[in-house]
Amino acid sequence: MPRLRSDIWIAAYIRRAMAEGAFAALRRKGVAEAGAIFIKIDRLDGTCLLFGPAPQSLADDDGARRFTRLHQADSIAVPDAEQRLHKELRFDSDLWIVEIEDKQGRHFLDDAVT
């Protein structure tokens, strides 16, 4: 099954987060068809969660996007997340960055986190 385009997936994801009462914004636009997606969940207390694409070995062939938390701790400092995002941008300039502000730290990824 083909994977949903990145731009369409992100539009739906942002709508869902906003419908749940969180603030969501597209920080960086990547390649519409297949750009990698990174999601930063800012808890508004100086900490955040950071998710990126799961390794291909953990992905199913159902076309669904899978994400993995990019840190071991429950949350990380915002500057550490920003440093990681800058590192990813140096590696792949076509990626997308979505930022969610939610004090509860909800990621709205449901079963997409591995």
PDB file of N, CA and C in Angstrom:
ATOM      1  N   MET A   1       0.845  -1.174   0.000  1.00  0.00           N
ATOM      2  CA  MET A   1       0.000   0.000   0.000  1.00  0.00           C
ATOM      3  C   MET A   1       0.897   1.246   0.000  1.00  0.00           C
ATOM      4  N   PRO A   2       0.634   2.203  -0.866  1.00  0.00           N
ATOM      5  CA  PRO A   2       1.468   3.400  -0.914  1.00  0.00           C
ATOM      6  C   PRO A   2       1.273   4.267   0.329  1.00  0.00           C
ATOM      7  N   ARG A   3       2.326   4.964   0.680  1.00  0.00           N
ATOM      8  CA  ARG A   3       2.298   5.840   1.847  1.00  0.00           C
ATOM      9  C   ARG A   3       1.651   7.169   1.470  1.00  0.00           C
ATOM     10  N   LEU A   4       0.877   7.721   2.401  1.00  0.00           N
ATOM     11  CA  LEU A   4       0.261   9.028   2.223  1.00  0.00           C
ATOM     12  C   LEU A   4       1.342  10.095   2.097  1.00  0.00           C
ATOM     13  N   ARG A   5       1.163  11.040   1.209  1.00  0.00           N
ATOM     14  CA  ARG A   5       2.133  12.121   1.032  1.00  0.00           C
ATOM     15  C   ARG A   5       2.362  12.861   2.354  1.00  0.00           C
ATOM     16  N   SER A   6       3.568  13.351   2.548  1.00  0.00           N
ATOM     17  CA  SER A   6       3.925  14.049   3.789  1.00  0.00           C
ATOM     18  C   SER A   6       3.045  15.268   4.020  1.00  0.00           C
ATOM     19  N   ASP A   7       2.805  16.068   2.988  1.00  0.00           N
ATOM     20  CA  ASP A   7       2.022  17.288   3.187  1.00  0.00           C
ATOM     21  C   ASP A   7       0.583  16.996   3.605  1.00  0.00           C
ATOM     22  N   ILE A   8      -0.005  15.957   3.066  1.00  0.00           N
ATOM     23  CA  ILE A   8      -1.376  15.584   3.421  1.00  0.00           C
ATOM     24  C   ILE A   8      -1.418  15.023   4.840  1.00  0.00           C
ATOM     25  N   TRP A   9      -0.452  14.160   5.174  1.00  0.00           N
ATOM     26  CA  TRP A   9      -0.396  13.587   6.520  1.00  0.00           C
ATOM     27  C   TRP A   9      -0.253  14.690   7.568  1.00  0.00           C
ATOM     28  N   ILE A  10       0.621  15.656   7.317  1.00  0.00           N
ATOM     29  CA  ILE A  10       0.866  16.732   8.270  1.00  0.00           C
ATOM     30  C   ILE A  10      -0.364  17.616   8.429  1.00  0.00           C
ATOM     31  N   ALA A  11      -1.046  17.928   7.352  1.00  0.00           N
ATOM     32  CA  ALA A  11      -2.258  18.750   7.448  1.00  0.00           C
ATOM     33  C   ALA A  11      -3.288  18.077   8.353  1.00  0.00           C
ATOM     34  N   ALA A  12      -3.474  16.782   8.185  1.00  0.00           N
ATOM     35  CA  ALA A  12      -4.423  16.045   9.025  1.00  0.00           C
ATOM     36  C   ALA A  12      -3.937  15.984  10.472  1.00  0.00           C
ATOM     37  N   TYR A  13      -2.643  15.780  10.668  1.00  0.00           N
ATOM     38  CA  TYR A  13      -2.071  15.700  12.023  1.00  0.00           C
ATOM     39  C   TYR A  13      -2.249  17.032  12.769  1.00  0.00           C
ATOM     40  N   ILE A  14      -1.976  18.135  12.108  1.00  0.00           N
ATOM     41  CA  ILE A  14      -2.130  19.448  12.739  1.00  0.00           C
ATOM     42  C   ILE A  14      -3.597  19.702  13.085  1.00  0.00           C
ATOM     43  N   ARG A  15      -4.502  19.357  12.185  1.00  0.00           N
ATOM     44  CA  ARG A  15      -5.939  19.511  12.478  1.00  0.00           C
ATOM     45  C   ARG A  15      -6.339  18.695  13.692  1.00  0.00           C
ATOM     46  N   ARG A  16      -5.830  17.484  13.802  1.00  0.00           N
ATOM     47  CA  ARG A  16      -6.183  16.633  14.944  1.00  0.00           C
ATOM     48  C   ARG A  16      -5.685  17.234  16.252  1.00  0.00           C
ATOM     49  N   ALA A  17      -4.433  17.673  16.284  1.00  0.00           N
ATOM     50  CA  ALA A  17      -3.877  18.263  17.504  1.00  0.00           C
ATOM     51  C   ALA A  17      -4.671  19.497  17.916  1.00  0.00           C
ATOM     52  N   MET A  18      -5.004  20.340  16.961  1.00  0.00           N
ATOM     53  CA  MET A  18      -5.775  21.556  17.267  1.00  0.00           C
ATOM     54  C   MET A  18      -7.180  21.200  17.764  1.00  0.00           C
ATOM     55  N   ALA A  19      -7.794  20.175  17.189  1.00  0.00           N
ATOM     56  CA  ALA A  19      -9.126  19.752  17.622  1.00  0.00           C
ATOM     57  C   ALA A  19      -9.106  19.241  19.058  1.00  0.00           C
ATOM     58  N   GLU A  20      -7.946  18.712  19.490  1.00  0.00           N
ATOM     59  CA  GLU A  20      -7.800  18.199  20.858  1.00  0.00           C
ATOM     60  C   GLU A  20      -7.411  19.293  21.842  1.00  0.00           C
ATOM     61  N   GLY A  21      -7.267  20.536  21.370  1.00  0.00           N
ATOM     62  CA  GLY A  21      -6.991  21.651  22.262  1.00  0.00           C
ATOM     63  C   GLY A  21      -5.534  22.054  22.375  1.00  0.00           C
ATOM     64  N   ALA A  22      -4.662  21.442  21.605  1.00  0.00           N
ATOM     65  CA  ALA A  22      -3.242  21.813  21.610  1.00  0.00           C
ATOM     66  C   ALA A  22      -3.012  22.845  20.505  1.00  0.00           C
ATOM     67  N   PHE A  23      -1.917  23.585  20.622  1.00  0.00           N
ATOM     68  CA  PHE A  23      -1.522  24.488  19.538  1.00  0.00           C
ATOM     69  C   PHE A  23      -0.546  23.726  18.661  1.00  0.00           C
ATOM     70  N   ALA A  24      -0.756  23.760  17.361  1.00  0.00           N
ATOM     71  CA  ALA A  24       0.109  23.051  16.421  1.00  0.00           C
ATOM     72  C   ALA A  24       0.515  23.989  15.301  1.00  0.00           C
ATOM     73  N   ALA A  25       1.777  23.898  14.902  1.00  0.00           N
ATOM     74  CA  ALA A  25       2.269  24.745  13.819  1.00  0.00           C
ATOM     75  C   ALA A  25       3.295  23.998  12.993  1.00  0.00           C
ATOM     76  N   LEU A  26       3.285  24.305  11.715  1.00  0.00           N
ATOM     77  CA  LEU A  26       4.304  23.787  10.808  1.00  0.00           C
ATOM     78  C   LEU A  26       5.493  24.739  10.880  1.00  0.00           C
ATOM     79  N   ARG A  27       6.615  24.256  11.398  1.00  0.00           N
ATOM     80  CA  ARG A  27       7.810  25.090  11.520  1.00  0.00           C
ATOM     81  C   ARG A  27       8.659  25.071  10.272  1.00  0.00           C
ATOM     82  N   ARG A  28       8.660  23.942   9.587  1.00  0.00           N
ATOM     83  CA  ARG A  28       9.508  23.828   8.400  1.00  0.00           C
ATOM     84  C   ARG A  28       8.835  22.912   7.403  1.00  0.00           C
ATOM     85  N   LYS A  29       8.745  23.410   6.182  1.00  0.00           N
ATOM     86  CA  LYS A  29       8.118  22.644   5.106  1.00  0.00           C
ATOM     87  C   LYS A  29       9.197  21.905   4.328  1.00  0.00           C
ATOM     88  N   GLY A  30       8.981  20.614   4.142  1.00  0.00           N
ATOM     89  CA  GLY A  30       9.922  19.788   3.397  1.00  0.00           C
ATOM     90  C   GLY A  30       9.352  19.376   2.053  1.00  0.00           C
ATOM     91  N   VAL A  31       9.840  18.272   1.545  1.00  0.00           N
ATOM     92  CA  VAL A  31       9.371  17.743   0.267  1.00  0.00           C
ATOM     93  C   VAL A  31       7.962  17.187   0.450  1.00  0.00           C
ATOM     94  N   ALA A  32       7.028  17.668  -0.377  1.00  0.00           N
ATOM     95  CA  ALA A  32       5.612  17.325  -0.219  1.00  0.00           C
ATOM     96  C   ALA A  32       5.337  15.832  -0.326  1.00  0.00           C
ATOM     97  N   GLU A  33       6.004  15.173  -1.245  1.00  0.00           N
ATOM     98  CA  GLU A  33       5.680  13.771  -1.511  1.00  0.00           C
ATOM     99  C   GLU A  33       6.189  12.821  -0.442  1.00  0.00           C
ATOM    100  N   ALA A  34       7.415  13.012   0.026  1.00  0.00           N
ATOM    101  CA  ALA A  34       7.984  11.972   0.897  1.00  0.00           C
ATOM    102  C   ALA A  34       9.024  12.495   1.886  1.00  0.00           C
ATOM    103  N   GLY A  35       8.985  13.760   2.234  1.00  0.00           N
ATOM    104  CA  GLY A  35       9.969  14.278   3.182  1.00  0.00           C
ATOM    105  C   GLY A  35       9.810  13.654   4.556  1.00  0.00           C
ATOM    106  N   ALA A  36      10.928  13.433   5.246  1.00  0.00           N
ATOM    107  CA  ALA A  36      10.900  12.896   6.607  1.00  0.00           C
ATOM    108  C   ALA A  36      10.214  13.902   7.529  1.00  0.00           C
ATOM    109  N   ILE A  37       9.484  13.408   8.521  1.00  0.00           N
ATOM    110  CA  ILE A  37       8.725  14.262   9.429  1.00  0.00           C
ATOM    111  C   ILE A  37       9.279  14.122  10.843  1.00  0.00           C
ATOM    112  N   PHE A  38       9.556  15.270  11.460  1.00  0.00           N
ATOM    113  CA  PHE A  38       9.987  15.323  12.854  1.00  0.00           C
ATOM    114  C   PHE A  38       8.947  16.119  13.629  1.00  0.00           C
ATOM    115  N   ILE A  39       8.618  15.650  14.827  1.00  0.00           N
ATOM    116  CA  ILE A  39       7.588  16.272  15.636  1.00  0.00           C
ATOM    117  C   ILE A  39       8.156  16.607  17.008  1.00  0.00           C
ATOM    118  N   LYS A  40       8.053  17.885  17.369  1.00  0.00           N
ATOM    119  CA  LYS A  40       8.503  18.363  18.680  1.00  0.00           C
ATOM    120  C   LYS A  40       7.266  18.713  19.499  1.00  0.00           C
ATOM    121  N   ILE A  41       7.166  18.127  20.678  1.00  0.00           N
ATOM    122  CA  ILE A  41       6.065  18.402  21.592  1.00  0.00           C
ATOM    123  C   ILE A  41       6.619  19.248  22.731  1.00  0.00           C
ATOM    124  N   ASP A  42       6.322  20.539  22.724  1.00  0.00           N
ATOM    125  CA  ASP A  42       6.806  21.456  23.754  1.00  0.00           C
ATOM    126  C   ASP A  42       5.811  21.447  24.912  1.00  0.00           C
ATOM    127  N   ARG A  43       6.296  21.094  26.104  1.00  0.00           N
ATOM    128  CA  ARG A  43       5.424  21.006  27.276  1.00  0.00           C
ATOM    129  C   ARG A  43       5.278  22.350  27.988  1.00  0.00           C
ATOM    130  N   LEU A  44       5.905  23.380  27.442  1.00  0.00           N
ATOM    131  CA  LEU A  44       5.798  24.742  27.949  1.00  0.00           C
ATOM    132  C   LEU A  44       6.368  24.899  29.361  1.00  0.00           C
ATOM    133  N   ASP A  45       7.269  23.997  29.743  1.00  0.00           N
ATOM    134  CA  ASP A  45       7.941  24.088  31.044  1.00  0.00           C
ATOM    135  C   ASP A  45       9.454  23.964  30.890  1.00  0.00           C
ATOM    136  N   GLY A  46       9.936  24.159  29.660  1.00  0.00           N
ATOM    137  CA  GLY A  46      11.364  24.020  29.369  1.00  0.00           C
ATOM    138  C   GLY A  46      11.753  22.631  28.906  1.00  0.00           C
ATOM    139  N   THR A  47      10.780  21.716  28.880  1.00  0.00           N
ATOM    140  CA  THR A  47      11.052  20.361  28.411  1.00  0.00           C
ATOM    141  C   THR A  47      10.161  20.047  27.211  1.00  0.00           C
ATOM    142  N   CYS A  48      10.563  19.027  26.481  1.00  0.00           N
ATOM    143  CA  CYS A  48       9.776  18.622  25.316  1.00  0.00           C
ATOM    144  C   CYS A  48      10.029  17.155  25.010  1.00  0.00           C
ATOM    145  N   LEU A  49       9.287  16.666  24.047  1.00  0.00           N
ATOM    146  CA  LEU A  49       9.491  15.337  23.482  1.00  0.00           C
ATOM    147  C   LEU A  49       9.810  15.538  22.016  1.00  0.00           C
ATOM    148  N   LEU A  50      10.618  14.651  21.471  1.00  0.00           N
ATOM    149  CA  LEU A  50      10.992  14.762  20.060  1.00  0.00           C
ATOM    150  C   LEU A  50      10.832  13.400  19.401  1.00  0.00           C
ATOM    151  N   PHE A  51      10.074  13.389  18.311  1.00  0.00           N
ATOM    152  CA  PHE A  51       9.821  12.166  17.558  1.00  0.00           C
ATOM    153  C   PHE A  51      10.326  12.336  16.134  1.00  0.00           C
ATOM    154  N   GLY A  52      10.833  11.246  15.579  1.00  0.00           N
ATOM    155  CA  GLY A  52      11.290  11.230  14.195  1.00  0.00           C
ATOM    156  C   GLY A  52      10.873   9.937  13.544  1.00  0.00           C
ATOM    157  N   PRO A  53      11.173   9.785  12.273  1.00  0.00           N
ATOM    158  CA  PRO A  53      10.777   8.570  11.561  1.00  0.00           C
ATOM    159  C   PRO A  53      11.403   7.321  12.191  1.00  0.00           C
ATOM    160  N   ALA A  54      10.593   6.298  12.344  1.00  0.00           N
ATOM    161  CA  ALA A  54      11.107   5.029  12.851  1.00  0.00           C
ATOM    162  C   ALA A  54      11.988   4.393  11.787  1.00  0.00           C
ATOM    163  N   PRO A  55      12.980   3.614  12.209  1.00  0.00           N
ATOM    164  CA  PRO A  55      13.806   2.909  11.221  1.00  0.00           C
ATOM    165  C   PRO A  55      12.936   2.024  10.327  1.00  0.00           C
ATOM    166  N   GLN A  56      13.339   1.879   9.088  1.00  0.00           N
ATOM    167  CA  GLN A  56      12.576   1.075   8.128  1.00  0.00           C
ATOM    168  C   GLN A  56      12.341  -0.349   8.628  1.00  0.00           C
ATOM    169  N   SER A  57      13.266  -0.861   9.418  1.00  0.00           N
ATOM    170  CA  SER A  57      13.121  -2.228   9.921  1.00  0.00           C
ATOM    171  C   SER A  57      11.935  -2.363  10.871  1.00  0.00           C
ATOM    172  N   LEU A  58      11.470  -1.244  11.471  1.00  0.00           N
ATOM    173  CA  LEU A  58      10.326  -1.278  12.381  1.00  0.00           C
ATOM    174  C   LEU A  58       9.019  -0.922  11.687  1.00  0.00           C
ATOM    175  N   ALA A  59       9.090  -0.538  10.421  1.00  0.00           N
ATOM    176  CA  ALA A  59       7.894  -0.123   9.686  1.00  0.00           C
ATOM    177  C   ALA A  59       7.196  -1.336   9.081  1.00  0.00           C
ATOM    178  N   ASP A  60       5.881  -1.288   9.079  1.00  0.00           N
ATOM    179  CA  ASP A  60       5.095  -2.322   8.414  1.00  0.00           C
ATOM    180  C   ASP A  60       4.940  -1.954   6.945  1.00  0.00           C
ATOM    181  N   ASP A  61       4.476  -2.890   6.167  1.00  0.00           N
ATOM    182  CA  ASP A  61       4.250  -2.634   4.745  1.00  0.00           C
ATOM    183  C   ASP A  61       2.843  -2.112   4.484  1.00  0.00           C
ATOM    184  N   ASP A  62       2.172  -1.594   5.528  1.00  0.00           N
ATOM    185  CA  ASP A  62       0.805  -1.118   5.361  1.00  0.00           C
ATOM    186  C   ASP A  62       0.724   0.333   4.892  1.00  0.00           C
ATOM    187  N   GLY A  63       1.878   0.981   4.698  1.00  0.00           N
ATOM    188  CA  GLY A  63       1.901   2.351   4.223  1.00  0.00           C
ATOM    189  C   GLY A  63       1.772   3.390   5.322  1.00  0.00           C
ATOM    190  N   ALA A  64       1.538   2.948   6.551  1.00  0.00           N
ATOM    191  CA  ALA A  64       1.388   3.893   7.662  1.00  0.00           C
ATOM    192  C   ALA A  64       2.750   4.436   8.094  1.00  0.00           C
ATOM    193  N   ARG A  65       2.750   5.682   8.525  1.00  0.00           N
ATOM    194  CA  ARG A  65       3.987   6.274   9.051  1.00  0.00           C
ATOM    195  C   ARG A  65       4.189   5.801  10.479  1.00  0.00           C
ATOM    196  N   ARG A  66       5.433   5.517  10.813  1.00  0.00           N
ATOM    197  CA  ARG A  66       5.800   5.102  12.163  1.00  0.00           C
ATOM    198  C   ARG A  66       6.828   6.089  12.692  1.00  0.00           C
ATOM    199  N   PHE A  67       6.747   6.379  13.979  1.00  0.00           N
ATOM    200  CA  PHE A  67       7.654   7.321  14.625  1.00  0.00           C
ATOM    201  C   PHE A  67       8.306   6.683  15.835  1.00  0.00           C
ATOM    202  N   THR A  68       9.453   7.203  16.204  1.00  0.00           N
ATOM    203  CA  THR A  68      10.157   6.757  17.396  1.00  0.00           C
ATOM    204  C   THR A  68      10.591   7.981  18.193  1.00  0.00           C
ATOM    205  N   ARG A  69      10.576   7.851  19.515  1.00  0.00           N
ATOM    206  CA  ARG A  69      11.055   8.941  20.365  1.00  0.00           C
ATOM    207  C   ARG A  69      12.567   8.994  20.230  1.00  0.00           C
ATOM    208  N   LEU A  70      13.112  10.182  20.032  1.00  0.00           N
ATOM    209  CA  LEU A  70      14.530  10.337  19.738  1.00  0.00           C
ATOM    210  C   LEU A  70      15.387  10.592  20.970  1.00  0.00           C
ATOM    211  N   HIS A  71      14.889  10.229  22.137  1.00  0.00           N
ATOM    212  CA  HIS A  71      15.646  10.398  23.384  1.00  0.00           C
ATOM    213  C   HIS A  71      15.228   9.305  24.359  1.00  0.00           C
ATOM    214  N   GLN A  72      16.136   8.980  25.280  1.00  0.00           N
ATOM    215  CA  GLN A  72      15.881   7.906  26.241  1.00  0.00           C
ATOM    216  C   GLN A  72      14.981   8.358  27.392  1.00  0.00           C
ATOM    217  N   ALA A  73      15.229   9.569  27.907  1.00  0.00           N
ATOM    218  CA  ALA A  73      14.469  10.077  29.054  1.00  0.00           C
ATOM    219  C   ALA A  73      13.018  10.350  28.655  1.00  0.00           C
ATOM    220  N   ASP A  74      12.161  10.516  29.672  1.00  0.00           N
ATOM    221  CA  ASP A  74      10.758  10.820  29.395  1.00  0.00           C
ATOM    222  C   ASP A  74      10.595  12.117  28.625  1.00  0.00           C
ATOM    223  N   SER A  75      11.476  13.081  28.882  1.00  0.00           N
ATOM    224  CA  SER A  75      11.471  14.344  28.144  1.00  0.00           C
ATOM    225  C   SER A  75      12.897  14.882  28.125  1.00  0.00           C
ATOM    226  N   ILE A  76      13.132  15.887  27.288  1.00  0.00           N
ATOM    227  CA  ILE A  76      14.459  16.499  27.201  1.00  0.00           C
ATOM    228  C   ILE A  76      14.301  18.019  27.231  1.00  0.00           C
ATOM    229  N   ALA A  77      15.387  18.710  27.492  1.00  0.00           N
ATOM    230  CA  ALA A  77      15.371  20.163  27.490  1.00  0.00           C
ATOM    231  C   ALA A  77      15.155  20.673  26.069  1.00  0.00           C
ATOM    232  N   VAL A  78      14.434  21.771  25.947  1.00  0.00           N
ATOM    233  CA  VAL A  78      14.141  22.349  24.639  1.00  0.00           C
ATOM    234  C   VAL A  78      15.418  22.623  23.831  1.00  0.00           C
ATOM    235  N   PRO A  79      16.487  23.213  24.448  1.00  0.00           N
ATOM    236  CA  PRO A  79      17.703  23.434  23.649  1.00  0.00           C
ATOM    237  C   PRO A  79      18.317  22.146  23.093  1.00  0.00           C
ATOM    238  N   ASP A  80      18.201  21.049  23.835  1.00  0.00           N
ATOM    239  CA  ASP A  80      18.710  19.764  23.343  1.00  0.00           C
ATOM    240  C   ASP A  80      17.915  19.284  22.132  1.00  0.00           C
ATOM    241  N   ALA A  81      16.602  19.480  22.171  1.00  0.00           N
ATOM    242  CA  ALA A  81      15.765  19.105  21.026  1.00  0.00           C
ATOM    243  C   ALA A  81      16.109  19.956  19.814  1.00  0.00           C
ATOM    244  N   GLU A  82      16.306  21.251  20.033  1.00  0.00           N
ATOM    245  CA  GLU A  82      16.655  22.139  18.923  1.00  0.00           C
ATOM    246  C   GLU A  82      17.996  21.754  18.311  1.00  0.00           C
ATOM    247  N   GLN A  83      18.934  21.375  19.152  1.00  0.00           N
ATOM    248  CA  GLN A  83      20.243  20.943  18.656  1.00  0.00           C
ATOM    249  C   GLN A  83      20.092  19.692  17.788  1.00  0.00           C
ATOM    250  N   ARG A  84      19.276  18.759  18.218  1.00  0.00           N
ATOM    251  CA  ARG A  84      19.038  17.542  17.444  1.00  0.00           C
ATOM    252  C   ARG A  84      18.376  17.867  16.106  1.00  0.00           C
ATOM    253  N   LEU A  85      17.404  18.783  16.111  1.00  0.00           N
ATOM    254  CA  LEU A  85      16.743  19.160  14.867  1.00  0.00           C
ATOM    255  C   LEU A  85      17.720  19.822  13.900  1.00  0.00           C
ATOM    256  N   HIS A  86      18.607  20.668  14.414  1.00  0.00           N
ATOM    257  CA  HIS A  86      19.614  21.291  13.544  1.00  0.00           C
ATOM    258  C   HIS A  86      20.546  20.235  12.944  1.00  0.00           C
ATOM    259  N   LYS A  87      20.884  19.244  13.744  1.00  0.00           N
ATOM    260  CA  LYS A  87      21.724  18.149  13.248  1.00  0.00           C
ATOM    261  C   LYS A  87      21.009  17.396  12.123  1.00  0.00           C
ATOM    262  N   GLU A  88      19.734  17.118  12.312  1.00  0.00           N
ATOM    263  CA  GLU A  88      18.953  16.420  11.293  1.00  0.00           C
ATOM    264  C   GLU A  88      18.856  17.257  10.014  1.00  0.00           C
ATOM    265  N   LEU A  89      18.707  18.575  10.157  1.00  0.00           N
ATOM    266  CA  LEU A  89      18.624  19.461   8.995  1.00  0.00           C
ATOM    267  C   LEU A  89      19.921  19.477   8.188  1.00  0.00           C
ATOM    268  N   ARG A  90      21.047  19.375   8.880  1.00  0.00           N
ATOM    269  CA  ARG A  90      22.323  19.319   8.157  1.00  0.00           C
ATOM    270  C   ARG A  90      22.418  18.033   7.336  1.00  0.00           C
ATOM    271  N   PHE A  91      21.812  16.968   7.833  1.00  0.00           N
ATOM    272  CA  PHE A  91      21.835  15.678   7.157  1.00  0.00           C
ATOM    273  C   PHE A  91      20.804  15.617   6.021  1.00  0.00           C
ATOM    274  N   ASP A  92      19.607  16.186   6.256  1.00  0.00           N
ATOM    275  CA  ASP A  92      18.505  16.102   5.295  1.00  0.00           C
ATOM    276  C   ASP A  92      17.770  17.439   5.245  1.00  0.00           C
ATOM    277  N   SER A  93      18.047  18.219   4.241  1.00  0.00           N
ATOM    278  CA  SER A  93      17.438  19.552   4.141  1.00  0.00           C
ATOM    279  C   SER A  93      15.988  19.511   3.655  1.00  0.00           C
ATOM    280  N   ASP A  94      15.483  18.331   3.307  1.00  0.00           N
ATOM    281  CA  ASP A  94      14.118  18.189   2.799  1.00  0.00           C
ATOM    282  C   ASP A  94      13.115  17.761   3.860  1.00  0.00           C
ATOM    283  N   LEU A  95      13.489  17.799   5.125  1.00  0.00           N
ATOM    284  CA  LEU A  95      12.597  17.293   6.172  1.00  0.00           C
ATOM    285  C   LEU A  95      11.563  18.329   6.603  1.00  0.00           C
ATOM    286  N   TRP A  96      10.533  17.839   7.256  1.00  0.00           N
ATOM    287  CA  TRP A  96       9.454  18.657   7.812  1.00  0.00           C
ATOM    288  C   TRP A  96       9.635  18.716   9.328  1.00  0.00           C
ATOM    289  N   ILE A  97       9.246  19.841   9.931  1.00  0.00           N
ATOM    290  CA  ILE A  97       9.227  19.943  11.395  1.00  0.00           C
ATOM    291  C   ILE A  97       7.862  20.487  11.798  1.00  0.00           C
ATOM    292  N   VAL A  98       7.184  19.730  12.653  1.00  0.00           N
ATOM    293  CA  VAL A  98       5.906  20.148  13.215  1.00  0.00           C
ATOM    294  C   VAL A  98       6.132  20.355  14.708  1.00  0.00           C
ATOM    295  N   GLU A  99       5.616  21.461  15.230  1.00  0.00           N
ATOM    296  CA  GLU A  99       5.736  21.717  16.668  1.00  0.00           C
ATOM    297  C   GLU A  99       4.352  21.807  17.287  1.00  0.00           C
ATOM    298  N   ILE A 100       4.200  21.073  18.378  1.00  0.00           N
ATOM    299  CA  ILE A 100       2.964  21.061  19.147  1.00  0.00           C
ATOM    300  C   ILE A 100       3.275  21.676  20.507  1.00  0.00           C
ATOM    301  N   GLU A 101       2.418  22.568  20.986  1.00  0.00           N
ATOM    302  CA  GLU A 101       2.527  23.077  22.352  1.00  0.00           C
ATOM    303  C   GLU A 101       1.386  22.479  23.144  1.00  0.00           C
ATOM    304  N   ASP A 102       1.745  21.670  24.147  1.00  0.00           N
ATOM    305  CA  ASP A 102       0.742  20.985  24.947  1.00  0.00           C
ATOM    306  C   ASP A 102       1.333  20.692  26.321  1.00  0.00           C
ATOM    307  N   LYS A 103       0.795  21.292  27.364  1.00  0.00           N
ATOM    308  CA  LYS A 103       1.315  21.109  28.724  1.00  0.00           C
ATOM    309  C   LYS A 103       1.269  19.651  29.168  1.00  0.00           C
ATOM    310  N   GLN A 104       0.342  18.892  28.630  1.00  0.00           N
ATOM    311  CA  GLN A 104       0.219  17.480  28.990  1.00  0.00           C
ATOM    312  C   GLN A 104       1.217  16.604  28.245  1.00  0.00           C
ATOM    313  N   GLY A 105       1.861  17.137  27.230  1.00  0.00           N
ATOM    314  CA  GLY A 105       2.834  16.370  26.468  1.00  0.00           C
ATOM    315  C   GLY A 105       2.221  15.337  25.541  1.00  0.00           C
ATOM    316  N   ARG A 106       0.989  15.559  25.128  1.00  0.00           N
ATOM    317  CA  ARG A 106       0.328  14.599  24.228  1.00  0.00           C
ATOM    318  C   ARG A 106       0.952  14.698  22.832  1.00  0.00           C
ATOM    319  N   HIS A 107       1.175  13.547  22.212  1.00  0.00           N
ATOM    320  CA  HIS A 107       1.812  13.551  20.887  1.00  0.00           C
ATOM    321  C   HIS A 107       0.842  13.283  19.750  1.00  0.00           C
ATOM    322  N   PHE A 108      -0.331  12.768  20.030  1.00  0.00           N
ATOM    323  CA  PHE A 108      -1.390  12.543  19.029  1.00  0.00           C
ATOM    324  C   PHE A 108      -0.960  11.588  17.917  1.00  0.00           C
ATOM    325  N   LEU A 109      -0.015  10.713  18.212  1.00  0.00           N
ATOM    326  CA  LEU A 109       0.470   9.762  17.214  1.00  0.00           C
ATOM    327  C   LEU A 109      -0.170   8.383  17.369  1.00  0.00           C
ATOM    328  N   ASP A 110      -0.938   8.176  18.416  1.00  0.00           N
ATOM    329  CA  ASP A 110      -1.630   6.922  18.655  1.00  0.00           C
ATOM    330  C   ASP A 110      -0.716   5.708  18.500  1.00  0.00           C
ATOM    331  N   ASP A 111      -1.071   4.832  17.568  1.00  0.00           N
ATOM    332  CA  ASP A 111      -0.317   3.587  17.369  1.00  0.00           C
ATOM    333  C   ASP A 111       0.892   3.750  16.456  1.00  0.00           C
ATOM    334  N   ALA A 112       1.200   4.991  16.075  1.00  0.00           N
ATOM    335  CA  ALA A 112       2.294   5.216  15.131  1.00  0.00           C
ATOM    336  C   ALA A 112       3.668   5.268  15.804  1.00  0.00           C
ATOM    337  N   VAL A 113       3.713   5.184  17.145  1.00  0.00           N
ATOM    338  CA  VAL A 113       4.989   5.246  17.862  1.00  0.00           C
ATOM    339  C   VAL A 113       5.481   3.834  18.123  1.00  0.00           C
ATOM    340  N   THR A 114       6.732   3.584  17.716  1.00  0.00           N
ATOM    341  CA  THR A 114       7.328   2.255  17.951  1.00  0.00           C
ATOM    342  C   THR A 114       8.313   2.320  19.092  1.00  0.00           C
TER     343      THR A 114
END
